[in-house]
Amino acid sequence: MKFDEQATDKAILTEIGARLEQLRLNRNLIRTDLAEQAGISRNTIERAESGDSIQSINLIRLCRALGILGRFETVFPQPVVSPVAQLKLQGKSRRRASKKRAGSKNTWTWGDSE
């Protein structure tokens, strides 16, 4: 199954569970061993693999124990700061040129000679 906007929540959870189970089996781990490595219960792993909802913290622990936590970068990439936001962060904002005040020494008017 490919994850897309049309898939139901349950279908996505079921697919995630099946993929987690396959990753566990590819590493020749039984649920009890993985549970110990992840610091979660065997029942939590069983629920995750069957497509039931689990707490986010348990999913993170499970992914860490399976060595796939780095893949979160693909799903949650570091936001790119826009050039305008970068300027604001650097304290360099663009300012409009200000008008010279009347009566100041450096006031230029039409007809003045150099």
PDB file of N, CA and C in Angstrom:
ATOM      1  N   MET A   1       0.838  -1.183   0.000  1.00  0.00           N
ATOM      2  CA  MET A   1       0.000   0.000   0.000  1.00  0.00           C
ATOM      3  C   MET A   1       0.880   1.242   0.000  1.00  0.00           C
ATOM      4  N   LYS A   2       0.480   2.206  -0.756  1.00  0.00           N
ATOM      5  CA  LYS A   2       1.167   3.482  -0.783  1.00  0.00           C
ATOM      6  C   LYS A   2       0.378   4.453   0.090  1.00  0.00           C
ATOM      7  N   PHE A   3       1.096   5.201   0.925  1.00  0.00           N
ATOM      8  CA  PHE A   3       0.427   6.182   1.781  1.00  0.00           C
ATOM      9  C   PHE A   3      -0.018   7.369   0.937  1.00  0.00           C
ATOM     10  N   ASP A   4      -1.291   7.675   1.002  1.00  0.00           N
ATOM     11  CA  ASP A   4      -1.791   8.850   0.307  1.00  0.00           C
ATOM     12  C   ASP A   4      -2.953   9.444   1.084  1.00  0.00           C
ATOM     13  N   GLU A   5      -3.424  10.566   0.617  1.00  0.00           N
ATOM     14  CA  GLU A   5      -4.482  11.309   1.308  1.00  0.00           C
ATOM     15  C   GLU A   5      -5.819  10.561   1.321  1.00  0.00           C
ATOM     16  N   GLN A   6      -5.998   9.634   0.405  1.00  0.00           N
ATOM     17  CA  GLN A   6      -7.265   8.915   0.296  1.00  0.00           C
ATOM     18  C   GLN A   6      -7.379   7.749   1.272  1.00  0.00           C
ATOM     19  N   ALA A   7      -6.255   7.286   1.809  1.00  0.00           N
ATOM     20  CA  ALA A   7      -6.261   6.129   2.708  1.00  0.00           C
ATOM     21  C   ALA A   7      -6.907   6.499   4.038  1.00  0.00           C
ATOM     22  N   THR A   8      -7.608   5.558   4.600  1.00  0.00           N
ATOM     23  CA  THR A   8      -8.227   5.799   5.904  1.00  0.00           C
ATOM     24  C   THR A   8      -7.162   5.709   6.994  1.00  0.00           C
ATOM     25  N   ASP A   9      -7.488   6.267   8.153  1.00  0.00           N
ATOM     26  CA  ASP A   9      -6.563   6.209   9.285  1.00  0.00           C
ATOM     27  C   ASP A   9      -6.253   4.761   9.644  1.00  0.00           C
ATOM     28  N   LYS A  10      -7.281   3.939   9.684  1.00  0.00           N
ATOM     29  CA  LYS A  10      -7.101   2.534  10.044  1.00  0.00           C
ATOM     30  C   LYS A  10      -6.216   1.815   9.031  1.00  0.00           C
ATOM     31  N   ALA A  11      -6.407   2.107   7.752  1.00  0.00           N
ATOM     32  CA  ALA A  11      -5.585   1.474   6.722  1.00  0.00           C
ATOM     33  C   ALA A  11      -4.118   1.881   6.872  1.00  0.00           C
ATOM     34  N   ILE A  12      -3.878   3.129   7.188  1.00  0.00           N
ATOM     35  CA  ILE A  12      -2.504   3.605   7.380  1.00  0.00           C
ATOM     36  C   ILE A  12      -1.887   2.955   8.604  1.00  0.00           C
ATOM     37  N   LEU A  13      -2.626   2.904   9.710  1.00  0.00           N
ATOM     38  CA  LEU A  13      -2.112   2.252  10.922  1.00  0.00           C
ATOM     39  C   LEU A  13      -1.820   0.772  10.675  1.00  0.00           C
ATOM     40  N   THR A  14      -2.679   0.105   9.933  1.00  0.00           N
ATOM     41  CA  THR A  14      -2.472  -1.309   9.614  1.00  0.00           C
ATOM     42  C   THR A  14      -1.212  -1.493   8.782  1.00  0.00           C
ATOM     43  N   GLU A  15      -1.005  -0.613   7.814  1.00  0.00           N
ATOM     44  CA  GLU A  15       0.187  -0.697   6.972  1.00  0.00           C
ATOM     45  C   GLU A  15       1.457  -0.395   7.772  1.00  0.00           C
ATOM     46  N   ILE A  16       1.412   0.603   8.616  1.00  0.00           N
ATOM     47  CA  ILE A  16       2.569   0.914   9.471  1.00  0.00           C
ATOM     48  C   ILE A  16       2.886  -0.285  10.355  1.00  0.00           C
ATOM     49  N   GLY A  17       1.851  -0.877  10.939  1.00  0.00           N
ATOM     50  CA  GLY A  17       2.044  -2.055  11.788  1.00  0.00           C
ATOM     51  C   GLY A  17       2.683  -3.206  11.035  1.00  0.00           C
ATOM     52  N   ALA A  18       2.222  -3.454   9.824  1.00  0.00           N
ATOM     53  CA  ALA A  18       2.782  -4.542   9.016  1.00  0.00           C
ATOM     54  C   ALA A  18       4.248  -4.267   8.681  1.00  0.00           C
ATOM     55  N   ARG A  19       4.566  -3.011   8.398  1.00  0.00           N
ATOM     56  CA  ARG A  19       5.954  -2.665   8.081  1.00  0.00           C
ATOM     57  C   ARG A  19       6.848  -2.772   9.315  1.00  0.00           C
ATOM     58  N   LEU A  20       6.340  -2.355  10.474  1.00  0.00           N
ATOM     59  CA  LEU A  20       7.113  -2.503  11.708  1.00  0.00           C
ATOM     60  C   LEU A  20       7.379  -3.977  12.010  1.00  0.00           C
ATOM     61  N   GLU A  21       6.348  -4.788  11.811  1.00  0.00           N
ATOM     62  CA  GLU A  21       6.510  -6.223  12.041  1.00  0.00           C
ATOM     63  C   GLU A  21       7.568  -6.808  11.097  1.00  0.00           C
ATOM     64  N   GLN A  22       7.531  -6.417   9.837  1.00  0.00           N
ATOM     65  CA  GLN A  22       8.503  -6.931   8.870  1.00  0.00           C
ATOM     66  C   GLN A  22       9.921  -6.491   9.230  1.00  0.00           C
ATOM     67  N   LEU A  23      10.070  -5.247   9.686  1.00  0.00           N
ATOM     68  CA  LEU A  23      11.390  -4.768  10.124  1.00  0.00           C
ATOM     69  C   LEU A  23      11.892  -5.585  11.311  1.00  0.00           C
ATOM     70  N   ARG A  24      11.008  -5.876  12.237  1.00  0.00           N
ATOM     71  CA  ARG A  24      11.372  -6.684  13.406  1.00  0.00           C
ATOM     72  C   ARG A  24      11.812  -8.081  12.973  1.00  0.00           C
ATOM     73  N   LEU A  25      11.036  -8.697  12.094  1.00  0.00           N
ATOM     74  CA  LEU A  25      11.351 -10.047  11.631  1.00  0.00           C
ATOM     75  C   LEU A  25      12.649 -10.072  10.820  1.00  0.00           C
ATOM     76  N   ASN A  26      12.887  -9.015  10.031  1.00  0.00           N
ATOM     77  CA  ASN A  26      14.132  -8.938   9.250  1.00  0.00           C
ATOM     78  C   ASN A  26      15.357  -8.873  10.159  1.00  0.00           C
ATOM     79  N   ARG A  27      15.167  -8.388  11.377  1.00  0.00           N
ATOM     80  CA  ARG A  27      16.267  -8.302  12.345  1.00  0.00           C
ATOM     81  C   ARG A  27      16.294  -9.525  13.272  1.00  0.00           C
ATOM     82  N   ASN A  28      15.473 -10.519  12.947  1.00  0.00           N
ATOM     83  CA  ASN A  28      15.387 -11.755  13.726  1.00  0.00           C
ATOM     84  C   ASN A  28      15.116 -11.489  15.206  1.00  0.00           C
ATOM     85  N   LEU A  29      14.199 -10.570  15.473  1.00  0.00           N
ATOM     86  CA  LEU A  29      13.830 -10.236  16.846  1.00  0.00           C
ATOM     87  C   LEU A  29      12.442 -10.771  17.158  1.00  0.00           C
ATOM     88  N   ILE A  30      12.290 -11.283  18.354  1.00  0.00           N
ATOM     89  CA  ILE A  30      10.946 -11.612  18.820  1.00  0.00           C
ATOM     90  C   ILE A  30      10.428 -10.386  19.565  1.00  0.00           C
ATOM     91  N   ARG A  31       9.128 -10.309  19.719  1.00  0.00           N
ATOM     92  CA  ARG A  31       8.525  -9.127  20.337  1.00  0.00           C
ATOM     93  C   ARG A  31       9.075  -8.845  21.728  1.00  0.00           C
ATOM     94  N   THR A  32       9.324  -9.896  22.491  1.00  0.00           N
ATOM     95  CA  THR A  32       9.829  -9.720  23.851  1.00  0.00           C
ATOM     96  C   THR A  32      11.190  -9.034  23.846  1.00  0.00           C
ATOM     97  N   ASP A  33      12.073  -9.442  22.946  1.00  0.00           N
ATOM     98  CA  ASP A  33      13.402  -8.832  22.854  1.00  0.00           C
ATOM     99  C   ASP A  33      13.312  -7.378  22.403  1.00  0.00           C
ATOM    100  N   LEU A  34      12.480  -7.131  21.405  1.00  0.00           N
ATOM    101  CA  LEU A  34      12.321  -5.767  20.923  1.00  0.00           C
ATOM    102  C   LEU A  34      11.720  -4.883  22.014  1.00  0.00           C
ATOM    103  N   ALA A  35      10.764  -5.417  22.736  1.00  0.00           N
ATOM    104  CA  ALA A  35      10.143  -4.664  23.826  1.00  0.00           C
ATOM    105  C   ALA A  35      11.181  -4.268  24.871  1.00  0.00           C
ATOM    106  N   GLU A  36      12.063  -5.187  25.188  1.00  0.00           N
ATOM    107  CA  GLU A  36      13.113  -4.904  26.167  1.00  0.00           C
ATOM    108  C   GLU A  36      14.054  -3.822  25.649  1.00  0.00           C
ATOM    109  N   GLN A  37      14.452  -3.921  24.387  1.00  0.00           N
ATOM    110  CA  GLN A  37      15.342  -2.917  23.793  1.00  0.00           C
ATOM    111  C   GLN A  37      14.689  -1.539  23.725  1.00  0.00           C
ATOM    112  N   ALA A  38      13.395  -1.515  23.432  1.00  0.00           N
ATOM    113  CA  ALA A  38      12.675  -0.250  23.269  1.00  0.00           C
ATOM    114  C   ALA A  38      12.211   0.332  24.602  1.00  0.00           C
ATOM    115  N   GLY A  39      12.182  -0.478  25.633  1.00  0.00           N
ATOM    116  CA  GLY A  39      11.694   0.000  26.926  1.00  0.00           C
ATOM    117  C   GLY A  39      10.185   0.154  26.966  1.00  0.00           C
ATOM    118  N   ILE A  40       9.513  -0.693  26.200  1.00  0.00           N
ATOM    119  CA  ILE A  40       8.045  -0.692  26.185  1.00  0.00           C
ATOM    120  C   ILE A  40       7.562  -2.120  26.382  1.00  0.00           C
ATOM    121  N   SER A  41       6.260  -2.286  26.548  1.00  0.00           N
ATOM    122  CA  SER A  41       5.739  -3.630  26.794  1.00  0.00           C
ATOM    123  C   SER A  41       5.595  -4.419  25.495  1.00  0.00           C
ATOM    124  N   ARG A  42       5.597  -5.730  25.651  1.00  0.00           N
ATOM    125  CA  ARG A  42       5.373  -6.619  24.507  1.00  0.00           C
ATOM    126  C   ARG A  42       3.989  -6.372  23.927  1.00  0.00           C
ATOM    127  N   ASN A  43       3.019  -6.103  24.786  1.00  0.00           N
ATOM    128  CA  ASN A  43       1.647  -5.847  24.325  1.00  0.00           C
ATOM    129  C   ASN A  43       1.577  -4.588  23.451  1.00  0.00           C
ATOM    130  N   THR A  44       2.392  -3.586  23.779  1.00  0.00           N
ATOM    131  CA  THR A  44       2.413  -2.367  22.968  1.00  0.00           C
ATOM    132  C   THR A  44       2.903  -2.676  21.561  1.00  0.00           C
ATOM    133  N   ILE A  45       3.932  -3.508  21.460  1.00  0.00           N
ATOM    134  CA  ILE A  45       4.445  -3.901  20.146  1.00  0.00           C
ATOM    135  C   ILE A  45       3.392  -4.698  19.394  1.00  0.00           C
ATOM    136  N   GLU A  46       2.728  -5.578  20.092  1.00  0.00           N
ATOM    137  CA  GLU A  46       1.671  -6.374  19.464  1.00  0.00           C
ATOM    138  C   GLU A  46       0.555  -5.470  18.937  1.00  0.00           C
ATOM    139  N   ARG A  47       0.166  -4.477  19.735  1.00  0.00           N
ATOM    140  CA  ARG A  47      -0.883  -3.543  19.294  1.00  0.00           C
ATOM    141  C   ARG A  47      -0.419  -2.741  18.080  1.00  0.00           C
ATOM    142  N   ALA A  48       0.831  -2.258  18.119  1.00  0.00           N
ATOM    143  CA  ALA A  48       1.356  -1.467  16.991  1.00  0.00           C
ATOM    144  C   ALA A  48       1.374  -2.297  15.713  1.00  0.00           C
ATOM    145  N   GLU A  49       1.838  -3.533  15.822  1.00  0.00           N
ATOM    146  CA  GLU A  49       1.932  -4.390  14.634  1.00  0.00           C
ATOM    147  C   GLU A  49       0.562  -4.814  14.115  1.00  0.00           C
ATOM    148  N   SER A  50      -0.435  -4.803  14.967  1.00  0.00           N
ATOM    149  CA  SER A  50      -1.777  -5.185  14.506  1.00  0.00           C
ATOM    150  C   SER A  50      -2.555  -3.984  13.969  1.00  0.00           C
ATOM    151  N   GLY A  51      -1.934  -2.798  14.026  1.00  0.00           N
ATOM    152  CA  GLY A  51      -2.595  -1.629  13.454  1.00  0.00           C
ATOM    153  C   GLY A  51      -3.417  -0.843  14.439  1.00  0.00           C
ATOM    154  N   ASP A  52      -3.281  -1.147  15.721  1.00  0.00           N
ATOM    155  CA  ASP A  52      -3.972  -0.355  16.735  1.00  0.00           C
ATOM    156  C   ASP A  52      -3.161   0.902  17.018  1.00  0.00           C
ATOM    157  N   SER A  53      -3.844   1.913  17.490  1.00  0.00           N
ATOM    158  CA  SER A  53      -3.183   3.169  17.816  1.00  0.00           C
ATOM    159  C   SER A  53      -2.355   3.015  19.086  1.00  0.00           C
ATOM    160  N   ILE A  54      -1.138   3.584  19.077  1.00  0.00           N
ATOM    161  CA  ILE A  54      -0.291   3.583  20.264  1.00  0.00           C
ATOM    162  C   ILE A  54       0.177   5.019  20.508  1.00  0.00           C
ATOM    163  N   GLN A  55       0.689   5.267  21.695  1.00  0.00           N
ATOM    164  CA  GLN A  55       1.179   6.603  22.012  1.00  0.00           C
ATOM    165  C   GLN A  55       2.388   6.936  21.149  1.00  0.00           C
ATOM    166  N   SER A  56       2.528   8.201  20.829  1.00  0.00           N
ATOM    167  CA  SER A  56       3.644   8.659  19.987  1.00  0.00           C
ATOM    168  C   SER A  56       4.988   8.327  20.606  1.00  0.00           C
ATOM    169  N   ILE A  57       5.101   8.480  21.914  1.00  0.00           N
ATOM    170  CA  ILE A  57       6.369   8.197  22.578  1.00  0.00           C
ATOM    171  C   ILE A  57       6.759   6.733  22.399  1.00  0.00           C
ATOM    172  N   ASN A  58       5.778   5.854  22.414  1.00  0.00           N
ATOM    173  CA  ASN A  58       6.068   4.427  22.207  1.00  0.00           C
ATOM    174  C   ASN A  58       6.477   4.144  20.770  1.00  0.00           C
ATOM    175  N   LEU A  59       5.896   4.872  19.824  1.00  0.00           N
ATOM    176  CA  LEU A  59       6.302   4.718  18.431  1.00  0.00           C
ATOM    177  C   LEU A  59       7.752   5.178  18.257  1.00  0.00           C
ATOM    178  N   ILE A  60       8.108   6.275  18.889  1.00  0.00           N
ATOM    179  CA  ILE A  60       9.487   6.771  18.814  1.00  0.00           C
ATOM    180  C   ILE A  60      10.451   5.757  19.415  1.00  0.00           C
ATOM    181  N   ARG A  61      10.116   5.206  20.557  1.00  0.00           N
ATOM    182  CA  ARG A  61      10.973   4.204  21.194  1.00  0.00           C
ATOM    183  C   ARG A  61      11.115   2.954  20.329  1.00  0.00           C
ATOM    184  N   LEU A  62      10.014   2.551  19.736  1.00  0.00           N
ATOM    185  CA  LEU A  62      10.025   1.380  18.866  1.00  0.00           C
ATOM    186  C   LEU A  62      10.901   1.631  17.632  1.00  0.00           C
ATOM    187  N   CYS A  63      10.750   2.779  17.022  1.00  0.00           N
ATOM    188  CA  CYS A  63      11.559   3.118  15.843  1.00  0.00           C
ATOM    189  C   CYS A  63      13.035   3.237  16.211  1.00  0.00           C
ATOM    190  N   ARG A  64      13.329   3.782  17.377  1.00  0.00           N
ATOM    191  CA  ARG A  64      14.726   3.886  17.817  1.00  0.00           C
ATOM    192  C   ARG A  64      15.333   2.492  17.979  1.00  0.00           C
ATOM    193  N   ALA A  65      14.597   1.590  18.610  1.00  0.00           N
ATOM    194  CA  ALA A  65      15.098   0.231  18.828  1.00  0.00           C
ATOM    195  C   ALA A  65      15.288  -0.520  17.510  1.00  0.00           C
ATOM    196  N   LEU A  66      14.463  -0.201  16.509  1.00  0.00           N
ATOM    197  CA  LEU A  66      14.589  -0.839  15.191  1.00  0.00           C
ATOM    198  C   LEU A  66      15.633  -0.144  14.311  1.00  0.00           C
ATOM    199  N   GLY A  67      16.169   0.974  14.790  1.00  0.00           N
ATOM    200  CA  GLY A  67      17.189   1.686  14.031  1.00  0.00           C
ATOM    201  C   GLY A  67      16.658   2.500  12.876  1.00  0.00           C
ATOM    202  N   ILE A  68      15.399   2.908  12.952  1.00  0.00           N
ATOM    203  CA  ILE A  68      14.816   3.661  11.839  1.00  0.00           C
ATOM    204  C   ILE A  68      14.380   5.067  12.242  1.00  0.00           C
ATOM    205  N   LEU A  69      14.804   5.524  13.400  1.00  0.00           N
ATOM    206  CA  LEU A  69      14.394   6.846  13.862  1.00  0.00           C
ATOM    207  C   LEU A  69      14.870   7.940  12.905  1.00  0.00           C
ATOM    208  N   GLY A  70      16.021   7.752  12.286  1.00  0.00           N
ATOM    209  CA  GLY A  70      16.550   8.727  11.327  1.00  0.00           C
ATOM    210  C   GLY A  70      15.642   8.948  10.130  1.00  0.00           C
ATOM    211  N   ARG A  71      14.772   8.012   9.863  1.00  0.00           N
ATOM    212  CA  ARG A  71      13.853   8.152   8.723  1.00  0.00           C
ATOM    213  C   ARG A  71      12.786   9.210   8.971  1.00  0.00           C
ATOM    214  N   PHE A  72      12.664   9.648  10.223  1.00  0.00           N
ATOM    215  CA  PHE A  72      11.707  10.707  10.525  1.00  0.00           C
ATOM    216  C   PHE A  72      12.081  11.996   9.792  1.00  0.00           C
ATOM    217  N   GLU A  73      13.376  12.164   9.455  1.00  0.00           N
ATOM    218  CA  GLU A  73      13.822  13.340   8.707  1.00  0.00           C
ATOM    219  C   GLU A  73      13.098  13.443   7.374  1.00  0.00           C
ATOM    220  N   THR A  74      12.781  12.314   6.781  1.00  0.00           N
ATOM    221  CA  THR A  74      12.071  12.312   5.512  1.00  0.00           C
ATOM    222  C   THR A  74      10.649  12.825   5.685  1.00  0.00           C
ATOM    223  N   VAL A  75      10.023  12.402   6.781  1.00  0.00           N
ATOM    224  CA  VAL A  75       8.637  12.792   7.034  1.00  0.00           C
ATOM    225  C   VAL A  75       8.553  14.199   7.612  1.00  0.00           C
ATOM    226  N   PHE A  76       9.495  14.516   8.490  1.00  0.00           N
ATOM    227  CA  PHE A  76       9.494  15.805   9.164  1.00  0.00           C
ATOM    228  C   PHE A  76      10.803  16.549   8.894  1.00  0.00           C
ATOM    229  N   PRO A  77      10.997  17.049   7.656  1.00  0.00           N
ATOM    230  CA  PRO A  77      12.264  17.720   7.345  1.00  0.00           C
ATOM    231  C   PRO A  77      12.396  19.037   8.109  1.00  0.00           C
ATOM    232  N   GLN A  78      13.646  19.446   8.300  1.00  0.00           N
ATOM    233  CA  GLN A  78      13.921  20.722   8.954  1.00  0.00           C
ATOM    234  C   GLN A  78      13.328  21.831   8.102  1.00  0.00           C
ATOM    235  N   PRO A  79      12.540  22.735   8.681  1.00  0.00           N
ATOM    236  CA  PRO A  79      11.945  23.804   7.880  1.00  0.00           C
ATOM    237  C   PRO A  79      13.028  24.729   7.316  1.00  0.00           C
ATOM    238  N   VAL A  80      12.811  25.183   6.103  1.00  0.00           N
ATOM    239  CA  VAL A  80      13.727  26.104   5.462  1.00  0.00           C
ATOM    240  C   VAL A  80      13.249  27.521   5.769  1.00  0.00           C
ATOM    241  N   VAL A  81      14.170  28.340   6.236  1.00  0.00           N
ATOM    242  CA  VAL A  81      13.824  29.714   6.578  1.00  0.00           C
ATOM    243  C   VAL A  81      13.847  30.552   5.301  1.00  0.00           C
ATOM    244  N   SER A  82      12.793  31.332   5.090  1.00  0.00           N
ATOM    245  CA  SER A  82      12.720  32.161   3.890  1.00  0.00           C
ATOM    246  C   SER A  82      13.752  33.278   3.965  1.00  0.00           C
ATOM    247  N   PRO A  83      14.170  33.817   2.822  1.00  0.00           N
ATOM    248  CA  PRO A  83      15.152  34.904   2.829  1.00  0.00           C
ATOM    249  C   PRO A  83      14.693  36.111   3.653  1.00  0.00           C
ATOM    250  N   VAL A  84      13.416  36.437   3.609  1.00  0.00           N
ATOM    251  CA  VAL A  84      12.903  37.567   4.382  1.00  0.00           C
ATOM    252  C   VAL A  84      13.023  37.279   5.874  1.00  0.00           C
ATOM    253  N   ALA A  85      12.692  36.073   6.274  1.00  0.00           N
ATOM    254  CA  ALA A  85      12.805  35.702   7.689  1.00  0.00           C
ATOM    255  C   ALA A  85      14.263  35.699   8.125  1.00  0.00           C
ATOM    256  N   GLN A  86      15.168  35.282   7.231  1.00  0.00           N
ATOM    257  CA  GLN A  86      16.589  35.300   7.561  1.00  0.00           C
ATOM    258  C   GLN A  86      17.068  36.717   7.827  1.00  0.00           C
ATOM    259  N   LEU A  87      16.630  37.657   7.000  1.00  0.00           N
ATOM    260  CA  LEU A  87      17.003  39.053   7.213  1.00  0.00           C
ATOM    261  C   LEU A  87      16.490  39.557   8.559  1.00  0.00           C
ATOM    262  N   LYS A  88      15.265  39.201   8.877  1.00  0.00           N
ATOM    263  CA  LYS A  88      14.696  39.627  10.157  1.00  0.00           C
ATOM    264  C   LYS A  88      15.466  39.015  11.315  1.00  0.00           C
ATOM    265  N   LEU A  89      15.859  37.747  11.176  1.00  0.00           N
ATOM    266  CA  LEU A  89      16.623  37.093  12.234  1.00  0.00           C
ATOM    267  C   LEU A  89      17.991  37.732  12.411  1.00  0.00           C
ATOM    268  N   GLN A  90      18.557  38.235  11.335  1.00  0.00           N
ATOM    269  CA  GLN A  90      19.870  38.868  11.390  1.00  0.00           C
ATOM    270  C   GLN A  90      19.782  40.330  11.813  1.00  0.00           C
ATOM    271  N   GLY A  91      18.571  40.850  11.937  1.00  0.00           N
ATOM    272  CA  GLY A  91      18.405  42.238  12.338  1.00  0.00           C
ATOM    273  C   GLY A  91      18.644  43.220  11.213  1.00  0.00           C
ATOM    274  N   LYS A  92      18.700  42.731  10.016  1.00  0.00           N
ATOM    275  CA  LYS A  92      18.920  43.593   8.857  1.00  0.00           C
ATOM    276  C   LYS A  92      17.601  43.775   8.125  1.00  0.00           C
ATOM    277  N   SER A  93      16.886  44.788   8.494  1.00  0.00           N
ATOM    278  CA  SER A  93      15.636  45.038   7.786  1.00  0.00           C
ATOM    279  C   SER A  93      15.844  46.182   6.801  1.00  0.00           C
ATOM    280  N   ARG A  94      15.123  46.144   5.748  1.00  0.00           N
ATOM    281  CA  ARG A  94      15.223  47.206   4.748  1.00  0.00           C
ATOM    282  C   ARG A  94      14.471  48.419   5.262  1.00  0.00           C
ATOM    283  N   ARG A  95      15.069  49.575   5.077  1.00  0.00           N
ATOM    284  CA  ARG A  95      14.423  50.819   5.484  1.00  0.00           C
ATOM    285  C   ARG A  95      14.293  51.723   4.270  1.00  0.00           C
ATOM    286  N   ARG A  96      13.214  52.447   4.252  1.00  0.00           N
ATOM    287  CA  ARG A  96      13.025  53.411   3.181  1.00  0.00           C
ATOM    288  C   ARG A  96      13.924  54.605   3.438  1.00  0.00           C
ATOM    289  N   ALA A  97      14.347  55.216   2.363  1.00  0.00           N
ATOM    290  CA  ALA A  97      15.158  56.420   2.502  1.00  0.00           C
ATOM    291  C   ALA A  97      14.306  57.511   3.121  1.00  0.00           C
ATOM    292  N   SER A  98      14.869  58.211   4.066  1.00  0.00           N
ATOM    293  CA  SER A  98      14.102  59.277   4.721  1.00  0.00           C
ATOM    294  C   SER A  98      14.321  60.592   3.989  1.00  0.00           C
ATOM    295  N   LYS A  99      13.339  61.464   4.061  1.00  0.00           N
ATOM    296  CA  LYS A  99      13.429  62.769   3.423  1.00  0.00           C
ATOM    297  C   LYS A  99      14.289  63.681   4.292  1.00  0.00           C
ATOM    298  N   LYS A 100      15.021  64.559   3.646  1.00  0.00           N
ATOM    299  CA  LYS A 100      15.797  65.563   4.362  1.00  0.00           C
ATOM    300  C   LYS A 100      14.831  66.602   4.917  1.00  0.00           C
ATOM    301  N   ARG A 101      15.091  67.058   6.085  1.00  0.00           N
ATOM    302  CA  ARG A 101      14.241  68.082   6.693  1.00  0.00           C
ATOM    303  C   ARG A 101      14.561  69.454   6.091  1.00  0.00           C
ATOM    304  N   ALA A 102      13.530  70.237   5.951  1.00  0.00           N
ATOM    305  CA  ALA A 102      13.728  71.596   5.434  1.00  0.00           C
ATOM    306  C   ALA A 102      14.608  72.368   6.396  1.00  0.00           C
ATOM    307  N   GLY A 103      15.520  73.147   5.840  1.00  0.00           N
ATOM    308  CA  GLY A 103      16.398  73.963   6.662  1.00  0.00           C
ATOM    309  C   GLY A 103      17.680  73.272   7.072  1.00  0.00           C
ATOM    310  N   SER A 104      17.849  72.036   6.696  1.00  0.00           N
ATOM    311  CA  SER A 104      19.094  71.369   7.039  1.00  0.00           C
ATOM    312  C   SER A 104      20.191  71.849   6.099  1.00  0.00           C
ATOM    313  N   LYS A 105      21.427  71.737   6.506  1.00  0.00           N
ATOM    314  CA  LYS A 105      22.561  72.258   5.764  1.00  0.00           C
ATOM    315  C   LYS A 105      22.721  71.624   4.393  1.00  0.00           C
ATOM    316  N   ASN A 106      22.380  70.396   4.244  1.00  0.00           N
ATOM    317  CA  ASN A 106      22.617  69.685   2.992  1.00  0.00           C
ATOM    318  C   ASN A 106      21.366  69.589   2.122  1.00  0.00           C
ATOM    319  N   THR A 107      20.495  70.553   2.192  1.00  0.00           N
ATOM    320  CA  THR A 107      19.288  70.533   1.389  1.00  0.00           C
ATOM    321  C   THR A 107      19.616  71.014  -0.020  1.00  0.00           C
ATOM    322  N   TRP A 108      19.241  70.283  -1.007  1.00  0.00           N
ATOM    323  CA  TRP A 108      19.462  70.628  -2.403  1.00  0.00           C
ATOM    324  C   TRP A 108      18.144  71.004  -3.000  1.00  0.00           C
ATOM    325  N   THR A 109      18.115  72.056  -3.769  1.00  0.00           N
ATOM    326  CA  THR A 109      16.896  72.460  -4.474  1.00  0.00           C
ATOM    327  C   THR A 109      17.247  72.715  -5.919  1.00  0.00           C
ATOM    328  N   TRP A 110      16.225  72.762  -6.775  1.00  0.00           N
ATOM    329  CA  TRP A 110      16.440  73.002  -8.188  1.00  0.00           C
ATOM    330  C   TRP A 110      17.073  74.376  -8.381  1.00  0.00           C
ATOM    331  N   GLY A 111      18.022  74.409  -9.236  1.00  0.00           N
ATOM    332  CA  GLY A 111      18.656  75.661  -9.563  1.00  0.00           C
ATOM    333  C   GLY A 111      19.924  75.929  -8.772  1.00  0.00           C
ATOM    334  N   ASP A 112      20.171  75.154  -7.747  1.00  0.00           N
ATOM    335  CA  ASP A 112      21.405  75.356  -7.011  1.00  0.00           C
ATOM    336  C   ASP A 112      22.590  74.951  -7.867  1.00  0.00           C
ATOM    337  N   SER A 113      23.641  75.636  -7.720  1.00  0.00           N
ATOM    338  CA  SER A 113      24.858  75.262  -8.446  1.00  0.00           C
ATOM    339  C   SER A 113      25.753  74.485  -7.511  1.00  0.00           C
ATOM    340  N   GLU A 114      26.640  73.769  -8.104  1.00  0.00           N
ATOM    341  CA  GLU A 114      27.522  72.930  -7.290  1.00  0.00           C
ATOM    342  C   GLU A 114      28.551  73.720  -6.585  1.00  0.00           C
TER     343      GLU A 114
END
